[in-house]
Protein backbone atom coordinates (compact mmCIF):
# COMPACT_ATOMS: atom_id res chain seq x y z
CA MET A 1 0.00 0.00 0.00
CA ASP A 2 0.94 3.65 -0.18
CA LYS A 3 1.79 5.49 3.02
CA PRO A 4 -1.14 4.87 5.41
CA HIS A 5 -3.27 7.73 6.72
CA LEU A 6 -4.20 5.84 9.91
CA ILE A 7 -2.40 3.06 11.77
CA ALA A 8 -4.29 0.69 14.06
CA SER A 9 -2.73 -1.97 16.23
CA ASP A 10 -3.78 -4.62 18.68
CA VAL A 11 -1.77 -4.47 21.92
CA ASP A 12 -1.05 -7.84 23.54
CA GLY A 13 0.76 -10.28 21.29
CA THR A 14 1.14 -7.61 18.62
CA LEU A 15 2.48 -4.24 19.74
CA LEU A 16 3.97 -5.40 23.04
CA THR A 17 6.75 -7.94 23.41
CA PRO A 18 6.10 -11.30 25.10
CA LEU A 19 7.22 -9.58 28.32
CA GLU A 20 4.40 -7.01 27.82
CA ARG A 21 6.79 -4.18 27.10
CA MET A 22 7.11 -1.85 24.15
CA SER A 23 10.53 -2.01 22.55
CA PRO A 24 12.49 1.21 21.86
CA ARG A 25 12.33 0.43 18.14
CA THR A 26 8.55 0.16 18.16
CA SER A 27 7.95 3.23 20.34
CA SER A 28 10.32 5.24 18.15
CA VAL A 29 8.53 4.46 14.89
CA ILE A 30 5.17 5.23 16.49
CA ARG A 31 6.43 8.65 17.52
CA ARG A 32 7.73 9.29 13.99
CA ALA A 33 4.37 8.35 12.49
CA VAL A 34 2.46 10.63 14.86
CA ALA A 35 4.96 13.45 14.15
CA ALA A 36 4.12 12.97 10.46
CA ASP A 37 0.42 13.58 11.30
CA VAL A 38 -0.59 9.94 10.91
CA PRO A 39 -2.85 8.90 13.82
CA PHE A 40 -1.89 5.73 15.69
CA VAL A 41 -4.89 4.00 17.26
CA LEU A 42 -4.61 1.30 19.91
CA VAL A 43 -7.33 -1.32 19.31
CA SER A 44 -7.64 -3.79 22.14
CA GLY A 45 -9.83 -6.06 24.19
CA ARG A 46 -8.54 -4.11 27.20
CA PRO A 47 -10.87 -1.69 29.00
CA PRO A 48 -9.86 2.00 29.07
CA ARG A 49 -8.07 1.79 32.42
CA TRP A 50 -5.80 -0.95 31.05
CA ILE A 51 -5.06 0.92 27.81
CA LEU A 52 -3.56 4.00 29.45
CA PRO A 53 -0.23 2.39 30.45
CA VAL A 54 0.31 1.31 26.83
CA ALA A 55 -0.58 4.75 25.48
CA ARG A 56 1.95 6.32 27.83
CA MET A 57 4.72 4.04 26.54
CA ALA A 58 4.43 5.67 23.11
CA GLU A 59 3.16 9.09 24.27
CA LEU A 60 -0.14 8.58 22.45
CA THR A 61 -2.96 11.06 23.13
CA GLY A 62 -5.50 10.25 20.42
CA TYR A 63 -8.32 7.74 20.23
CA ALA A 64 -8.20 4.14 21.42
CA VAL A 65 -10.70 1.38 20.67
CA CYS A 66 -11.28 -0.63 23.85
CA ALA A 67 -13.23 -3.73 24.91
CA ASN A 68 -13.15 -5.21 21.38
CA GLY A 69 -14.95 -2.23 19.88
CA ALA A 70 -17.48 -1.54 22.62
CA VAL A 71 -15.76 1.67 23.77
CA ILE A 72 -14.08 4.56 21.99
CA TYR A 73 -11.74 6.33 24.38
CA ASP A 74 -10.07 9.73 24.03
CA VAL A 75 -6.70 9.11 25.68
CA GLY A 76 -5.60 12.74 25.83
CA ARG A 77 -8.79 13.95 27.50
CA GLY A 78 -9.24 10.81 29.58
CA LYS A 79 -12.84 10.54 28.35
CA VAL A 80 -15.02 7.79 26.98
CA VAL A 81 -16.70 9.22 23.89
CA SER A 82 -18.75 6.25 22.72
CA VAL A 83 -20.19 3.10 24.32
CA HIS A 84 -21.95 0.14 22.69
CA GLY A 85 -22.77 -2.04 25.66
CA LEU A 86 -24.99 -4.74 27.10
CA GLU A 87 -28.02 -4.11 29.29
CA PRO A 88 -28.78 -6.22 32.40
CA VAL A 89 -31.60 -8.07 30.62
CA GLN A 90 -29.18 -9.10 27.89
CA LEU A 91 -26.57 -10.11 30.45
CA HIS A 92 -29.06 -12.35 32.24
CA ASP A 93 -30.11 -13.93 28.93
CA LEU A 94 -26.44 -14.55 28.12
CA ALA A 95 -25.81 -16.05 31.55
CA ASP A 96 -28.68 -18.49 31.04
CA ALA A 97 -27.30 -19.40 27.61
CA MET A 98 -23.79 -19.93 28.97
CA ASP A 99 -25.13 -22.22 31.69
CA GLN A 100 -26.48 -24.41 28.89
CA ALA A 101 -23.56 -24.14 26.50
CA LEU A 102 -20.75 -24.16 29.06
CA PRO A 103 -21.94 -25.74 32.33
CA GLY A 104 -19.72 -24.75 35.23
CA ALA A 105 -18.24 -21.69 33.54
CA ARG A 106 -17.85 -18.52 35.62
CA LEU A 107 -18.78 -14.97 34.61
CA ALA A 108 -17.41 -11.45 34.94
CA THR A 109 -18.34 -8.06 33.51
CA GLU A 110 -16.52 -4.87 32.58
CA ARG A 111 -18.37 -1.57 33.06
CA VAL A 112 -17.84 1.97 31.93
CA LEU A 113 -20.04 5.02 31.27
CA ALA A 114 -19.77 7.61 28.52
CA GLY A 115 -17.98 10.71 29.75
CA GLY A 116 -15.28 8.71 31.52
CA GLN A 117 -17.04 7.91 34.77
CA GLU A 118 -16.65 4.28 35.83
CA ASP A 119 -19.97 2.64 36.64
CA GLY A 120 -19.32 2.88 40.36
CA PRO A 121 -16.49 1.10 42.08
CA PRO A 122 -15.45 -1.41 40.94
CA ALA A 123 -15.51 -1.45 37.14
CA TYR A 124 -14.54 -5.13 36.93
CA VAL A 125 -16.66 -7.63 38.87
CA CYS A 126 -16.40 -11.44 38.90
CA GLU A 127 -18.29 -14.28 40.46
CA SER A 128 -16.40 -16.76 42.62
CA GLU A 129 -13.88 -19.05 40.91
CA PHE A 130 -13.68 -16.85 37.82
CA ARG A 131 -10.16 -17.03 36.39
CA ASN A 132 -8.63 -14.46 34.05
CA PRO A 133 -5.41 -15.55 32.27
CA TRP A 134 -4.07 -12.01 32.76
CA GLY A 135 -4.81 -12.05 36.47
CA ASP A 136 -7.62 -10.70 38.62
CA GLY A 137 -5.65 -8.11 40.55
CA ASP A 138 -8.20 -5.29 40.28
CA ALA A 139 -11.33 -7.47 40.32
CA MET A 140 -13.98 -7.58 43.00
CA PHE A 141 -15.59 -10.98 43.56
CA VAL A 142 -19.34 -10.67 44.05
CA SER A 143 -22.53 -12.67 43.54
CA ARG A 144 -23.73 -13.51 40.04
CA ALA A 145 -26.69 -11.17 40.56
CA GLU A 146 -24.26 -8.29 41.13
CA VAL A 147 -22.13 -9.30 38.14
CA LEU A 148 -25.17 -9.08 35.88
CA GLY A 149 -27.03 -6.26 37.58
CA ARG A 150 -25.67 -3.20 35.76
CA PRO A 151 -24.93 -2.24 32.14
CA ALA A 152 -21.60 -3.61 30.94
CA ILE A 153 -19.31 -3.21 27.95
CA LYS A 154 -18.59 -6.94 27.77
CA LEU A 155 -19.30 -10.24 29.46
CA LEU A 156 -16.33 -12.49 30.15
CA VAL A 157 -16.81 -16.25 30.48
CA SER A 158 -14.10 -18.39 32.08
CA ASP A 159 -13.57 -22.15 32.08
CA PRO A 160 -9.92 -23.27 32.43
CA ARG A 161 -10.98 -26.86 31.64
CA MET A 162 -11.43 -25.86 27.97
CA THR A 163 -9.60 -23.87 25.33
CA SER A 164 -11.06 -20.53 24.35
CA GLY A 165 -11.65 -21.85 20.83
CA GLU A 166 -13.74 -24.72 22.16
CA MET A 167 -15.70 -22.33 24.37
CA ALA A 168 -16.37 -19.90 21.53
CA GLU A 169 -17.64 -22.68 19.29
CA ALA A 170 -20.03 -23.94 21.97
CA ALA A 171 -21.29 -20.44 22.76
CA LYS A 172 -21.86 -19.55 19.10
CA GLU A 173 -23.81 -22.76 18.50
CA LEU A 174 -26.33 -21.63 21.10
CA ILE A 175 -26.55 -17.86 20.70
CA GLY A 176 -25.80 -17.64 16.98
CA GLU A 177 -25.33 -14.06 15.82
CA GLN A 178 -27.38 -12.43 18.57
CA PHE A 179 -24.12 -11.28 20.19
CA ALA A 180 -20.47 -11.05 19.17
CA VAL A 181 -18.28 -13.82 20.63
CA THR A 182 -14.50 -13.73 20.43
CA TYR A 183 -11.30 -14.37 22.37
CA SER A 184 -7.82 -12.92 22.73
CA SER A 185 -6.24 -15.77 24.68
CA ASN A 186 -6.68 -19.50 24.22
CA SER A 187 -6.56 -20.12 27.97
CA GLY A 188 -10.23 -20.77 28.65
CA LEU A 189 -11.70 -17.26 28.35
CA ILE A 190 -14.18 -15.84 25.85
CA GLU A 191 -15.48 -12.28 25.57
CA ILE A 192 -19.00 -11.37 24.50
CA THR A 193 -20.11 -7.93 23.30
CA ALA A 194 -23.30 -6.54 21.81
CA LYS A 195 -24.45 -7.74 18.40
CA ASP A 196 -22.11 -6.73 15.56
CA VAL A 197 -19.69 -4.95 17.91
CA THR A 198 -16.12 -5.83 16.96
CA LYS A 199 -12.75 -4.16 16.68
CA ALA A 200 -13.67 -3.46 13.06
CA THR A 201 -16.77 -1.44 13.98
CA GLY A 202 -14.81 0.47 16.61
CA LEU A 203 -11.98 1.26 14.20
CA ALA A 204 -14.46 2.28 11.50
CA GLU A 205 -16.00 4.75 13.96
CA VAL A 206 -12.60 6.24 14.73
CA ALA A 207 -11.71 6.44 11.03
CA GLU A 208 -14.96 8.31 10.40
CA ARG A 209 -14.21 10.74 13.24
CA LEU A 210 -10.77 11.38 11.72
CA ASP A 211 -12.10 11.52 8.15
CA VAL A 212 -9.83 8.72 6.93
CA SER A 213 -11.09 6.35 4.25
CA GLN A 214 -11.03 2.60 4.85
CA ASP A 215 -8.49 1.91 2.11
CA LYS A 216 -5.96 4.21 3.80
CA VAL A 217 -5.99 2.26 7.07
CA ILE A 218 -3.37 -0.33 8.03
CA ALA A 219 -4.12 -2.66 10.95
CA PHE A 220 -2.04 -5.20 12.88
CA GLY A 221 -3.23 -8.13 14.97
CA ASP A 222 -2.64 -11.67 16.18
CA MET A 223 -5.77 -13.25 17.71
CA PRO A 224 -9.35 -14.08 16.65
CA ASN A 225 -10.66 -10.81 18.10
CA ASP A 226 -8.54 -9.08 15.41
CA VAL A 227 -9.99 -10.97 12.43
CA GLU A 228 -12.77 -8.51 11.58
CA MET A 229 -10.42 -5.53 11.95
CA LEU A 230 -7.78 -6.96 9.61
CA ALA A 231 -10.46 -7.91 7.08
CA TRP A 232 -11.95 -4.40 7.24
CA ALA A 233 -8.73 -2.40 6.96
CA GLY A 234 -7.29 -1.43 3.60
CA THR A 235 -4.25 -3.48 4.59
CA GLY A 236 -4.43 -6.09 7.33
CA VAL A 237 -1.14 -7.35 8.73
CA ALA A 238 -0.86 -10.50 10.83
CA MET A 239 2.00 -11.19 13.19
CA ALA A 240 4.11 -14.31 12.60
CA ASN A 241 2.82 -15.54 15.98
CA ALA A 242 -0.81 -15.03 14.93
CA HIS A 243 -3.69 -17.48 15.26
CA PRO A 244 -4.46 -19.38 11.99
CA ALA A 245 -7.76 -17.49 11.62
CA VAL A 246 -5.85 -14.19 11.56
CA LEU A 247 -3.23 -15.45 9.10
CA GLU A 248 -6.05 -16.52 6.80
CA VAL A 249 -7.57 -13.04 6.42
CA ALA A 250 -4.35 -10.99 6.44
CA ASP A 251 -2.99 -9.24 3.36
CA GLU A 252 0.52 -9.62 4.73
CA VAL A 253 2.41 -11.42 7.51
CA THR A 254 5.17 -9.63 9.40
CA ALA A 255 7.63 -10.82 12.03
CA SER A 256 6.48 -11.80 15.51
CA ASN A 257 5.87 -9.42 18.40
CA ALA A 258 9.20 -10.57 19.82
CA GLU A 259 10.94 -9.28 16.68
CA ASP A 260 9.33 -5.82 16.33
CA GLY A 261 6.99 -7.00 13.58
CA VAL A 262 4.87 -3.83 13.68
CA ALA A 263 7.96 -1.62 13.47
CA GLN A 264 9.38 -3.62 10.56
CA VAL A 265 6.34 -2.74 8.46
CA LEU A 266 5.97 0.89 9.55
CA GLU A 267 9.64 1.66 8.89
CA ARG A 268 8.82 1.53 5.17
CA TRP A 269 7.25 4.96 5.54
CA PHE A 270 8.45 6.46 8.83
């Protein structure tokens, strides 16, 4: 492609190294791109509060797409500008469906309100025995009724006895296309958002806000929650360490996240 007008990148497994750090080479090319007036958008399954440390690594102050497309976050202003979430009735329906599709699985929800106010402390609530492969350090363990009782940006379903791929297949068989089911780790965790909400829809919203056409967007990713984004972007780039589903839709494959794969591509222009 020609020089992109917007760069979008997944975070974990893509932009960050396996040690969850941003290499000097990668942070340097991001800064050069931004200095050339090309927006760099973080697109992640992370909620806003988990995206800020990554934005600071590269001194980013623009938009970020969080929670797999459910939230558009203005990093510089510290404000949520758009939310596409799940209502309690939907959460209860999903919980009933997961009890059928994945007996014994445990649930958690992420919450946020437009304008940047968290939906009351805490923003991340889990029922007992819920396990997050990234850790539960800032979670509050509560009853299932409390997990499902307020609007959320995504429902997380955990079952360490299964792979995430197996869980996603079972969930999709039951709920079909009523909700969006994906995963960013294969360690027994799936993430469910509102119908048709994906990283692609979130990135498309940001591109529209920035008046950048789809064909001028380059996007990087490595896991199934990146598939729609890479397929939507003018150029979709998979990491060498990417899931087979991501490799299948990518226009190009770069080096792994351990080898500055994002930087290797962007250095063509910046």
